[in-house]
Protein backbone atom coordinates (compact mmCIF):
# COMPACT_ATOMS: atom_id res chain seq x y z
CA MET A 1 80.57 98.22 117.18
CA GLY A 2 79.94 100.60 113.98
CA ARG A 3 83.21 102.59 114.83
CA VAL A 4 85.08 99.34 115.72
CA PHE A 5 84.19 98.12 112.27
CA ALA A 6 85.44 101.07 110.66
CA THR A 7 88.21 101.10 112.28
CA VAL A 8 89.27 97.45 111.63
CA ALA A 9 88.21 97.99 108.10
CA PHE A 10 90.63 100.87 107.73
CA VAL A 11 93.64 98.79 109.41
CA GLU A 12 92.72 95.81 107.22
CA ALA A 13 93.50 98.22 104.28
CA LEU A 14 96.49 99.89 105.57
CA THR A 15 98.06 96.55 105.94
CA TRP A 16 97.17 95.38 102.64
CA ALA A 17 98.74 98.44 101.24
CA GLY A 18 101.88 97.66 103.17
CA LEU A 19 102.12 94.12 101.98
CA LEU A 20 101.38 95.24 98.05
CA ILE A 21 104.33 97.97 98.52
CA GLY A 22 106.59 94.88 100.29
CA MET A 23 105.91 92.39 97.48
CA TYR A 24 106.91 95.22 94.84
CA PHE A 25 109.86 95.73 96.55
CA LYS A 26 110.37 91.67 97.07
CA TYR A 27 109.48 91.15 93.42
CA GLN A 28 110.03 94.18 91.04
CA ALA A 29 112.64 96.24 92.47
CA ALA A 30 116.13 96.79 91.16
CA ASP A 31 117.61 95.72 94.59
CA PRO A 32 115.14 92.83 95.86
CA THR A 33 114.44 93.02 99.55
CA PRO A 34 112.13 90.84 101.21
CA VAL A 35 111.79 92.85 104.65
CA GLY A 36 108.59 94.30 103.52
CA VAL A 37 106.67 91.04 103.24
CA LYS A 38 108.19 89.75 105.92
CA ILE A 39 106.81 92.42 108.37
CA PHE A 40 103.20 93.08 106.60
CA GLY A 41 102.76 89.78 105.81
CA PRO A 42 102.07 88.48 109.42
CA VAL A 43 100.72 91.67 110.26
CA HIS A 44 97.87 91.47 107.45
CA GLY A 45 97.18 87.84 108.04
CA VAL A 46 96.16 89.15 112.03
CA ALA A 47 94.39 92.09 110.40
CA PHE A 48 92.64 90.09 108.02
CA MET A 49 91.34 87.44 110.95
CA VAL A 50 90.20 90.27 112.99
CA TYR A 51 88.47 91.88 110.60
CA VAL A 52 86.42 88.67 109.58
CA VAL A 53 85.92 88.34 113.30
CA VAL A 54 84.58 91.83 113.72
CA SER A 55 82.53 91.71 110.71
CA VAL A 56 80.81 88.67 111.89
CA LEU A 57 80.15 90.44 115.33
CA ALA A 58 79.03 93.82 113.58
CA ALA A 59 76.37 91.67 111.31
CA ILE A 60 74.82 90.17 114.53
CA ARG A 61 74.93 93.20 116.81
CA LEU A 62 74.13 95.71 114.05
CA ARG A 63 71.57 93.52 112.42
CA TRP A 64 72.73 93.53 109.05
CA PRO A 65 70.68 91.82 106.25
CA TRP A 66 72.68 88.82 104.81
CA TRP A 67 74.07 90.38 101.76
CA ALA A 68 75.45 93.09 103.90
CA ALA A 69 77.25 90.22 105.96
CA LEU A 70 78.54 88.52 102.73
CA LEU A 71 79.63 91.68 100.96
CA ALA A 72 81.76 92.71 104.24
CA LEU A 73 83.55 89.14 104.31
CA ALA A 74 84.18 89.31 100.75
CA ALA A 75 85.39 92.73 100.78
CA ALA A 76 88.42 91.62 102.67
CA VAL A 77 89.97 89.13 99.59
CA PRO A 78 90.45 91.79 97.13
CA PRO A 79 93.19 94.74 98.02
CA LEU A 80 92.03 97.75 99.71
CA VAL A 81 88.06 97.34 99.20
CA THR A 82 87.23 97.47 103.15
CA LEU A 83 87.64 101.10 102.62
CA PRO A 84 84.99 101.89 100.03
CA LEU A 85 82.53 99.14 101.37
CA GLU A 86 82.82 100.84 105.03
CA TRP A 87 82.05 104.20 103.57
CA TRP A 88 78.96 102.80 101.64
CA PHE A 89 78.16 100.93 104.77
CA LYS A 90 78.36 104.45 106.77
CA ARG A 91 76.21 106.36 104.16
CA ARG A 92 73.50 103.74 103.97
CA GLY A 93 73.31 103.68 107.99
CA LEU A 94 74.30 100.11 108.52
CA LEU A 95 77.17 101.08 111.23
CA SER A 96 74.72 102.70 113.59
CA ALA A 97 73.00 100.57 115.99
CA PRO A 98 69.34 99.39 114.75
CA ILE A 99 66.51 101.22 116.17
CA THR A 100 64.21 99.05 118.69
CA ARG A 101 60.89 99.43 118.64
CA THR A 102 58.82 99.51 121.66
CA ARG A 103 55.08 98.86 122.06
């Protein structure tokens, strides 16, 4: 599940970058074109929704503390924040399966 979360976090950030580039060409370029927004808008919308679902599933299956789950969900809102969050989660061990204790 940790690998799935990392992959979806990367795709969410990649589509955010595509949408930002598309918005630049739509609103700031000398020759405006809405093609980038028309392509990356819906793609990013789907990636965002998948990221939210995968974050909730990862939080449950990997037994994240409540603050980690909320942080993962909040990271999807600002552009490109899912990447550093995923790297930080990996360093903290939150993307690996929890250790189960047996008696």
